[in-house]
Amino acid sequence: MQEEKAPNDELTMNEFNEQIKILVHFIRSIIYQYCKGFKRYWFPMTFLLIGITAGGTLYFFHAEKKFEGTASYGYTSLKRKLYGEAIDNVNALIQTRSYQQLHNALPLSVNQLKHLREIKATNNYGSLLSDDMTENNSQIFYITVKSTDHVVFDSLAILLENYLNNIVAVQELQRQRAEKFKRAITYREKELIALDSLMHAYTNSLSSTTQSIYPVQKGEINTQALFEKGERITEEISDMQHFLQDPRAVKLQEPFLVSQIPVQRSVIKIALVVIIMYLVISGLLLFILLNIVRPKYVPE
């Protein structure tokens, strides 16, 4: 009994080439039918082209003007994904025009809020912050806003900072850190006092001729290490006190820089949209005219 031979590479390549030929033939058939239909119904197709082009031109010149600005923020607590999700929630309110709820998050007037069109937060690679699962040393993220009024950017940066710092999870974590730092400062201050006392007593023992309570030789205590430890404790206390004075988890780094001129729309993009729309609509119309509306018998 002979074993069946597995298909070789040449047969697989032949099948692939055959599929390519079928695809090319299909595309050529579509192009042929389109050209044939366009030749028969050239007048309505030309009228359609003029109408879609006019619509694209009107959109280009009369669509609302938008201003765009980006601000950068630094953060010290929690994952930045949390802040991205919070900004996504604000954007959802903008898209659904829920201005009363949006006012609770960003206390601007309703008239100002109506100018907002989009808001998003991104990482330093330009990806959405709400999708960011990476771990890196960057403690910066960016918020980009689109608005039909550039004046709204003046106060928006600080309002966004306040909004992010008022997240319940952020506030709870900062409260816990504050309590922890208060206890740590008390302990470090006591440690620093004890260290200073040791340094002072040791220094006096070196210059005294009487018996000291530190009967040690000069080289038995590393004064340089004690001094460095004291400096390190002092820096730790200073850092914790700075946090207690300013416990914000998110801080504005660079405010929105917005041009007085609105963002220009891409002529190429609009032209491509017009062309695609025309091809799709005209193709559907020609299919209907050639295969549904036409009589069953058409003499050659």
Protein backbone atom coordinates (compact mmCIF):
# COMPACT_ATOMS: atom_id res chain seq x y z
CA MET A 1 0.00 0.00 0.00
CA GLN A 2 1.54 3.25 -1.12
CA GLU A 3 1.68 6.20 1.21
CA GLU A 4 -0.04 9.41 0.10
CA LYS A 5 2.39 12.13 -0.82
CA ALA A 6 2.01 15.43 0.93
CA PRO A 7 1.45 18.37 -1.42
CA ASN A 8 4.77 19.92 -2.35
CA ASP A 9 5.68 23.60 -2.35
CA GLU A 10 5.20 23.88 -6.11
CA LEU A 11 1.57 22.77 -5.88
CA THR A 12 0.92 25.23 -3.05
CA MET A 13 2.45 28.04 -5.11
CA ASN A 14 0.28 27.08 -8.07
CA GLU A 15 -2.82 27.28 -5.92
CA PHE A 16 -1.74 30.66 -4.64
CA ASN A 17 -1.16 31.96 -8.16
CA GLU A 18 -4.59 30.64 -9.18
CA GLN A 19 -6.23 32.56 -6.33
CA ILE A 20 -4.40 35.71 -7.40
CA LYS A 21 -5.64 35.26 -10.97
CA ILE A 22 -9.22 34.84 -9.72
CA LEU A 23 -8.91 38.00 -7.60
CA VAL A 24 -7.45 40.01 -10.49
CA HIS A 25 -10.21 38.75 -12.80
CA PHE A 26 -12.85 39.75 -10.23
CA ILE A 27 -11.40 43.26 -9.87
CA ARG A 28 -11.18 43.69 -13.63
CA SER A 29 -14.80 42.58 -13.95
CA ILE A 30 -15.91 45.16 -11.41
CA ILE A 31 -13.96 47.91 -13.17
CA TYR A 32 -15.39 46.83 -16.53
CA GLN A 33 -18.97 46.81 -15.22
CA TYR A 34 -18.43 50.19 -13.55
CA CYS A 35 -17.08 51.78 -16.72
CA LYS A 36 -19.85 50.19 -18.78
CA GLY A 37 -22.50 51.51 -16.40
CA PHE A 38 -20.88 54.93 -16.20
CA LYS A 39 -20.88 55.16 -20.02
CA ARG A 40 -24.58 54.32 -20.12
CA TYR A 41 -25.60 56.55 -17.21
CA TRP A 42 -22.94 59.25 -17.53
CA PHE A 43 -25.32 62.14 -16.94
CA PRO A 44 -26.64 61.13 -13.45
CA MET A 45 -23.14 59.96 -12.47
CA THR A 46 -21.66 63.34 -13.45
CA PHE A 47 -24.44 65.11 -11.56
CA LEU A 48 -23.67 62.92 -8.52
CA LEU A 49 -19.96 63.80 -8.73
CA ILE A 50 -20.77 67.51 -8.84
CA GLY A 51 -23.12 67.18 -5.86
CA ILE A 52 -20.64 65.29 -3.66
CA THR A 53 -17.78 67.63 -4.60
CA ALA A 54 -19.94 70.65 -3.78
CA GLY A 55 -20.86 69.10 -0.43
CA GLY A 56 -17.20 68.48 0.40
CA THR A 57 -16.30 72.04 -0.56
CA LEU A 58 -19.06 73.50 1.60
CA TYR A 59 -17.93 71.35 4.53
CA PHE A 60 -14.35 72.53 4.11
CA PHE A 61 -15.24 76.21 4.18
CA HIS A 62 -18.20 76.24 6.58
CA ALA A 63 -17.48 73.53 9.18
CA GLU A 64 -16.84 74.86 12.70
CA LYS A 65 -13.32 76.01 13.48
CA LYS A 66 -11.50 74.14 16.21
CA PHE A 67 -8.58 75.10 18.41
CA GLU A 68 -6.30 72.43 19.84
CA GLY A 69 -3.93 72.56 22.81
CA THR A 70 -1.86 70.11 24.84
CA ALA A 71 -0.80 70.43 28.49
CA SER A 72 1.60 68.19 30.41
CA TYR A 73 1.10 66.89 33.95
CA GLY A 74 3.35 65.15 36.43
CA TYR A 75 2.07 62.56 38.90
CA THR A 76 3.47 60.83 41.99
CA SER A 77 0.75 58.38 43.04
CA LEU A 78 -1.12 55.42 41.54
CA LYS A 79 -1.03 54.16 37.97
CA ARG A 80 -1.41 56.69 35.17
CA LYS A 81 -4.04 54.40 33.61
CA LEU A 82 -6.39 55.60 36.37
CA TYR A 83 -5.96 59.22 35.28
CA GLY A 84 -6.51 58.23 31.65
CA GLU A 85 -9.81 56.56 32.54
CA ALA A 86 -10.88 59.67 34.45
CA ILE A 87 -10.20 61.85 31.39
CA ASP A 88 -12.11 59.35 29.22
CA ASN A 89 -15.11 59.85 31.52
CA VAL A 90 -14.91 63.60 30.95
CA ASN A 91 -14.72 63.05 27.19
CA ALA A 92 -17.83 60.82 27.36
CA LEU A 93 -19.72 63.68 29.01
CA ILE A 94 -18.54 66.04 26.27
CA GLN A 95 -19.65 63.68 23.48
CA THR A 96 -23.09 63.15 25.07
CA ARG A 97 -23.41 66.88 25.85
CA SER A 98 -24.09 66.18 29.52
CA TYR A 99 -23.13 69.70 30.50
CA GLN A 100 -24.58 69.66 34.01
CA GLN A 101 -22.54 66.59 34.97
CA LEU A 102 -19.56 68.03 33.14
CA HIS A 103 -19.92 71.22 35.18
CA ASN A 104 -19.54 69.17 38.37
CA ALA A 105 -16.19 67.87 37.12
CA LEU A 106 -14.99 71.08 35.46
CA PRO A 107 -16.69 74.11 37.06
CA LEU A 108 -16.88 76.27 33.95
CA SER A 109 -20.02 78.00 32.74
CA VAL A 110 -22.31 75.92 30.55
CA ASN A 111 -21.66 78.29 27.63
CA GLN A 112 -17.92 77.62 27.93
CA LEU A 113 -18.43 73.88 28.26
CA LYS A 114 -20.46 73.84 25.05
CA HIS A 115 -17.32 74.88 23.15
CA LEU A 116 -15.46 71.69 24.15
CA ARG A 117 -15.35 69.05 21.43
CA GLU A 118 -12.87 66.44 22.61
CA ILE A 119 -10.42 65.68 25.41
CA LYS A 120 -7.94 62.84 25.66
CA ALA A 121 -4.94 61.84 27.78
CA THR A 122 -1.87 60.22 26.25
CA ASN A 123 1.48 58.89 27.43
CA ASN A 124 4.88 59.98 26.17
CA TYR A 125 4.50 57.61 23.20
CA GLY A 126 1.21 59.17 22.08
CA SER A 127 -0.94 56.18 23.11
CA LEU A 128 -4.17 56.60 25.07
CA LEU A 129 -3.42 56.74 28.78
CA SER A 130 -6.45 54.59 29.62
CA ASP A 131 -4.91 51.75 27.58
CA ASP A 132 -1.43 52.16 29.05
CA MET A 133 -0.31 49.04 30.90
CA THR A 134 3.43 49.70 30.53
CA GLU A 135 5.83 50.37 33.35
CA ASN A 136 8.51 52.99 32.79
CA ASN A 137 10.24 55.79 34.62
CA SER A 138 8.25 58.56 32.95
CA GLN A 139 6.07 60.40 35.48
CA ILE A 140 4.54 62.66 32.83
CA PHE A 141 1.36 62.41 30.78
CA TYR A 142 -0.34 64.76 28.35
CA ILE A 143 -3.90 66.04 27.97
CA THR A 144 -5.06 67.30 24.57
CA VAL A 145 -8.25 69.35 24.21
CA LYS A 146 -10.16 70.50 21.13
CA SER A 147 -12.48 73.47 21.47
CA THR A 148 -14.27 75.96 19.24
CA ASP A 149 -13.17 78.80 21.55
CA HIS A 150 -9.53 79.36 22.53
CA VAL A 151 -10.46 81.39 25.63
CA VAL A 152 -11.64 78.26 27.46
CA PHE A 153 -8.03 77.03 27.65
CA ASP A 154 -7.05 79.84 30.02
CA SER A 155 -8.55 78.21 33.11
CA LEU A 156 -8.94 74.63 31.90
CA ALA A 157 -5.44 73.43 32.84
CA ILE A 158 -5.84 74.08 36.58
CA LEU A 159 -9.42 72.76 36.58
CA LEU A 160 -8.21 69.47 35.10
CA GLU A 161 -5.48 69.25 37.73
CA ASN A 162 -8.05 69.78 40.50
CA TYR A 163 -10.38 67.22 38.93
CA LEU A 164 -7.68 64.53 38.87
CA ASN A 165 -6.58 65.27 42.43
CA ASN A 166 -10.18 64.97 43.65
CA ILE A 167 -10.52 61.37 42.48
CA VAL A 168 -11.63 59.35 45.52
CA ALA A 169 -8.85 56.76 45.20
CA VAL A 170 -6.23 59.51 44.88
CA GLN A 171 -7.51 61.41 47.91
CA GLU A 172 -7.58 58.27 50.06
CA LEU A 173 -4.04 57.30 49.09
CA GLN A 174 -2.74 60.81 49.75
CA ARG A 175 -4.45 60.83 53.16
CA GLN A 176 -2.79 57.54 54.07
CA ARG A 177 0.59 58.81 52.88
CA ALA A 178 0.17 61.99 54.94
CA GLU A 179 -0.51 60.00 58.12
CA LYS A 180 2.45 57.74 57.40
CA PHE A 181 4.78 60.70 56.80
CA LYS A 182 3.70 62.43 60.02
CA ARG A 183 4.69 59.36 62.03
CA ALA A 184 7.89 58.98 60.05
CA ILE A 185 8.89 62.62 60.64
CA THR A 186 8.47 62.20 64.40
CA TYR A 187 10.64 59.08 64.36
CA ARG A 188 13.29 60.63 62.09
CA GLU A 189 13.53 63.76 64.25
CA LYS A 190 14.17 61.64 67.32
CA GLU A 191 16.75 59.65 65.40
CA LEU A 192 18.43 62.87 64.27
CA ILE A 193 18.55 64.22 67.86
CA ALA A 194 20.15 60.98 69.06
CA LEU A 195 22.67 61.11 66.24
CA ASP A 196 23.57 64.72 67.02
CA SER A 197 24.01 63.85 70.68
CA LEU A 198 26.33 60.99 69.79
CA MET A 199 28.42 63.19 67.50
CA HIS A 200 28.65 65.94 70.13
CA ALA A 201 29.62 63.57 72.95
CA TYR A 202 32.19 61.80 70.80
CA THR A 203 33.77 65.10 69.75
CA ASN A 204 34.04 66.22 73.40
CA SER A 205 35.60 62.90 74.39
CA LEU A 206 38.42 63.39 71.90
CA SER A 207 39.48 66.71 73.44
CA SER A 208 38.88 65.76 77.09
CA THR A 209 41.72 64.50 79.36
CA THR A 210 39.34 62.92 81.86
CA GLN A 211 37.68 59.53 81.60
CA SER A 212 34.82 59.71 79.11
CA ILE A 213 31.66 57.70 78.95
CA TYR A 214 32.87 56.84 75.39
CA PRO A 215 36.19 55.03 76.16
CA VAL A 216 36.99 54.52 72.48
CA GLN A 217 39.90 55.22 70.23
CA LYS A 218 39.68 57.94 67.64
CA GLY A 219 39.34 55.59 64.70
CA GLU A 220 36.61 53.38 66.18
CA ILE A 221 33.72 55.67 65.07
CA ASN A 222 33.35 56.63 61.43
CA THR A 223 32.38 60.28 61.76
CA GLN A 224 32.00 60.67 58.00
CA ALA A 225 29.36 57.91 57.89
CA LEU A 226 27.51 59.50 60.83
CA PHE A 227 27.56 62.87 59.10
CA GLU A 228 26.22 61.38 55.83
CA LYS A 229 23.48 59.55 57.72
CA GLY A 230 22.46 62.80 59.39
CA GLU A 231 22.27 64.54 56.00
CA ARG A 232 20.18 61.69 54.59
CA ILE A 233 17.74 61.85 57.50
CA THR A 234 17.47 65.64 57.12
CA GLU A 235 16.67 65.28 53.40
CA GLU A 236 14.02 62.63 54.13
CA ILE A 237 12.37 64.91 56.70
CA SER A 238 12.46 67.81 54.24
CA ASP A 239 10.86 65.71 51.46
CA MET A 240 8.07 64.47 53.74
CA GLN A 241 7.39 68.00 55.04
CA HIS A 242 7.21 69.25 51.46
CA PHE A 243 4.60 66.58 50.71
CA LEU A 244 2.53 67.59 53.73
CA GLN A 245 2.63 71.22 52.57
CA ASP A 246 1.60 70.26 49.01
CA PRO A 247 -0.06 66.81 48.93
CA ARG A 248 -1.21 66.98 45.30
CA ALA A 249 -0.73 63.72 43.39
CA VAL A 250 -1.06 65.43 39.98
CA LYS A 251 0.65 68.71 39.20
CA LEU A 252 0.52 70.86 36.10
CA GLN A 253 3.90 71.02 34.36
CA GLU A 254 3.22 72.96 31.16
CA PRO A 255 -0.10 74.77 30.51
CA PHE A 256 -2.02 74.68 27.26
CA LEU A 257 -0.26 76.44 24.40
CA VAL A 258 -2.97 77.35 21.90
CA SER A 259 -2.58 79.25 18.64
CA GLN A 260 -4.95 82.11 17.92
CA ILE A 261 -5.49 80.49 14.51
CA PRO A 262 -7.75 77.39 14.43
CA VAL A 263 -6.42 74.03 13.31
CA GLN A 264 -6.48 73.81 9.52
CA ARG A 265 -8.38 70.90 7.98
CA SER A 266 -6.52 68.58 5.66
CA VAL A 267 -7.51 69.23 2.04
CA ILE A 268 -6.07 65.85 1.04
CA LYS A 269 -8.14 64.03 3.65
CA ILE A 270 -11.36 65.74 2.55
CA ALA A 271 -10.55 65.02 -1.11
CA LEU A 272 -10.02 61.34 -0.31
CA VAL A 273 -13.32 61.21 1.57
CA VAL A 274 -15.11 62.79 -1.42
CA ILE A 275 -13.55 60.29 -3.83
CA ILE A 276 -14.39 57.28 -1.65
CA MET A 277 -17.95 58.48 -1.10
CA TYR A 278 -18.43 59.00 -4.83
CA LEU A 279 -17.07 55.58 -5.74
CA VAL A 280 -19.21 53.80 -3.14
CA ILE A 281 -22.46 55.68 -3.90
CA SER A 282 -22.02 55.59 -7.67
CA GLY A 283 -21.10 51.89 -7.53
CA LEU A 284 -24.26 51.07 -5.60
CA LEU A 285 -26.40 53.14 -7.97
CA LEU A 286 -24.89 51.51 -11.04
CA PHE A 287 -25.41 48.06 -9.54
CA ILE A 288 -29.08 48.87 -8.96
CA LEU A 289 -29.53 50.38 -12.42
CA LEU A 290 -27.77 47.56 -14.25
CA ASN A 291 -29.10 44.58 -12.30
CA ILE A 292 -32.46 45.57 -10.83
CA VAL A 293 -33.99 48.47 -12.73
CA ARG A 294 -32.96 47.43 -16.26
CA PRO A 295 -35.32 45.18 -18.28
CA LYS A 296 -34.70 41.42 -18.37
CA TYR A 297 -33.79 41.53 -22.08
CA VAL A 298 -31.59 44.20 -23.52
CA PRO A 299 -30.79 43.85 -27.21
CA GLU A 300 -27.13 44.10 -28.10
